[in-house]
C-alpha atoms as a PDB file:
ATOM      1  CA  MET A   1      51.889  33.906  62.065  1.00  0.00           C
ATOM      2  CA  VAL A   2      50.443  30.715  60.649  1.00  0.00           C
ATOM      3  CA  VAL A   3      47.080  29.397  61.891  1.00  0.00           C
ATOM      4  CA  GLU A   4      47.785  25.688  62.230  1.00  0.00           C
ATOM      5  CA  ARG A   5      47.022  22.654  64.365  1.00  0.00           C
ATOM      6  CA  GLY A   6      48.713  22.915  67.746  1.00  0.00           C
ATOM      7  CA  ARG A   7      49.243  26.696  67.700  1.00  0.00           C
ATOM      8  CA  VAL A   8      48.787  28.175  71.186  1.00  0.00           C
ATOM      9  CA  CYS A   9      46.596  31.287  71.356  1.00  0.00           C
ATOM     10  CA  THR A  10      44.589  33.498  73.627  1.00  0.00           C
ATOM     11  CA  LYS A  11      40.929  34.267  73.073  1.00  0.00           C
ATOM     12  CA  LEU A  12      40.359  37.998  72.725  1.00  0.00           C
ATOM     13  CA  LEU A  13      36.550  38.224  72.604  1.00  0.00           C
ATOM     14  CA  GLY A  14      33.558  36.354  74.025  1.00  0.00           C
ATOM     15  CA  ARG A  15      32.806  34.864  77.402  1.00  0.00           C
ATOM     16  CA  GLU A  16      36.140  33.036  77.448  1.00  0.00           C
ATOM     17  CA  ALA A  17      38.227  36.121  76.591  1.00  0.00           C
ATOM     18  CA  GLY A  18      41.693  36.111  78.155  1.00  0.00           C
ATOM     19  CA  ASN A  19      41.893  32.304  78.390  1.00  0.00           C
ATOM     20  CA  ILE A  20      44.629  30.326  76.724  1.00  0.00           C
ATOM     21  CA  CYS A  21      43.724  27.660  74.177  1.00  0.00           C
ATOM     22  CA  ALA A  22      45.144  25.676  71.268  1.00  0.00           C
ATOM     23  CA  ILE A  23      43.946  25.207  67.709  1.00  0.00           C
ATOM     24  CA  THR A  24      42.879  21.609  67.057  1.00  0.00           C
ATOM     25  CA  GLU A  25      41.926  22.079  63.414  1.00  0.00           C
ATOM     26  CA  ARG A  26      41.444  24.745  60.763  1.00  0.00           C
ATOM     27  CA  VAL A  27      37.762  24.830  59.628  1.00  0.00           C
ATOM     28  CA  ASP A  28      38.097  27.316  56.776  1.00  0.00           C
ATOM     29  CA  LYS A  29      39.859  30.598  56.012  1.00  0.00           C
ATOM     30  CA  ASN A  30      37.984  32.428  58.806  1.00  0.00           C
ATOM     31  CA  PHE A  31      37.432  29.840  61.558  1.00  0.00           C
ATOM     32  CA  ALA A  32      39.355  27.287  63.619  1.00  0.00           C
ATOM     33  CA  MET A  33      38.356  24.782  66.307  1.00  0.00           C
ATOM     34  CA  VAL A  34      39.918  25.579  69.694  1.00  0.00           C
ATOM     35  CA  VAL A  35      40.065  23.880  73.056  1.00  0.00           C
ATOM     36  CA  GLY A  36      41.778  24.688  76.357  1.00  0.00           C
ATOM     37  CA  PRO A  37      41.706  24.191  80.118  1.00  0.00           C
ATOM     38  CA  ASN A  38      39.130  26.978  80.560  1.00  0.00           C
ATOM     39  CA  VAL A  39      37.860  27.015  76.971  1.00  0.00           C
ATOM     40  CA  ARG A  40      35.329  24.425  75.833  1.00  0.00           C
ATOM     41  CA  LYS A  41      35.718  22.991  72.346  1.00  0.00           C
ATOM     42  CA  ARG A  42      34.227  25.429  69.880  1.00  0.00           C
ATOM     43  CA  ARG A  43      34.589  27.054  66.525  1.00  0.00           C
ATOM     44  CA  CYS A  44      36.214  30.446  66.857  1.00  0.00           C
ATOM     45  CA  ASN A  45      36.777  33.301  64.435  1.00  0.00           C
ATOM     46  CA  ILE A  46      40.511  33.578  63.765  1.00  0.00           C
ATOM     47  CA  THR A  47      40.365  37.388  64.190  1.00  0.00           C
ATOM     48  CA  HIS A  48      39.266  36.786  67.772  1.00  0.00           C
ATOM     49  CA  LEU A  49      42.478  34.918  68.618  1.00  0.00           C
ATOM     50  CA  GLU A  50      45.897  36.249  69.555  1.00  0.00           C
ATOM     51  CA  LEU A  51      48.375  33.713  68.212  1.00  0.00           C
ATOM     52  CA  HIS A  52      51.544  32.912  70.165  1.00  0.00           C
ATOM     53  CA  ASP A  53      54.899  31.670  68.924  1.00  0.00           C
ATOM     54  CA  THR A  54      54.465  28.398  70.820  1.00  0.00           C
ATOM     55  CA  LYS A  55      53.173  25.307  69.020  1.00  0.00           C
ATOM     56  CA  LEU A  56      52.210  22.019  70.625  1.00  0.00           C
ATOM     57  CA  GLU A  57      53.777  19.043  68.864  1.00  0.00           C
ATOM     58  CA  LEU A  58      51.108  16.345  69.173  1.00  0.00           C
ATOM     59  CA  PRO A  59      50.332  13.428  66.844  1.00  0.00           C
ATOM     60  CA  ASP A  60      47.377  13.732  64.417  1.00  0.00           C
ATOM     61  CA  GLU A  61      45.331  11.272  66.483  1.00  0.00           C
ATOM     62  CA  ALA A  62      45.697  13.352  69.669  1.00  0.00           C
ATOM     63  CA  SER A  63      42.420  13.905  71.545  1.00  0.00           C
ATOM     64  CA  ASP A  64      41.116  17.153  73.025  1.00  0.00           C
ATOM     65  CA  ASP A  65      42.202  15.931  76.450  1.00  0.00           C
ATOM     66  CA  ASP A  66      45.771  15.609  75.140  1.00  0.00           C
ATOM     67  CA  PHE A  67      45.690  19.262  74.031  1.00  0.00           C
ATOM     68  CA  ILE A  68      44.280  20.349  77.429  1.00  0.00           C
ATOM     69  CA  ASN A  69      46.898  18.316  79.351  1.00  0.00           C
ATOM     70  CA  GLU A  70      49.768  19.826  77.323  1.00  0.00           C
ATOM     71  CA  LEU A  71      48.439  23.351  77.791  1.00  0.00           C
ATOM     72  CA  THR A  72      48.035  22.777  81.533  1.00  0.00           C
ATOM     73  CA  LYS A  73      51.647  21.614  81.800  1.00  0.00           C
ATOM     74  CA  MET A  74      52.838  24.597  79.789  1.00  0.00           C
ATOM     75  CA  ILE A  75      50.933  27.079  82.001  1.00  0.00           C
ATOM     76  CA  GLN A  76      52.332  25.756  85.307  1.00  0.00           C
END
């Protein structure tokens, strides 16, 4: 599965483990920035993420709140 902007994932490790989030940007080959309804914006090791088939289709100028709103709609 491709690690890309908008990819929905679940955190596997850390204090936010089990929470759903989305990738906002790829930092380098090992890390990505994630944000979610119960996940604060942070850099996360890609190996600590379970990637899902779902991808959020948001414009490049979308804010973190836009990602959170889309994830919240998807969860409900």
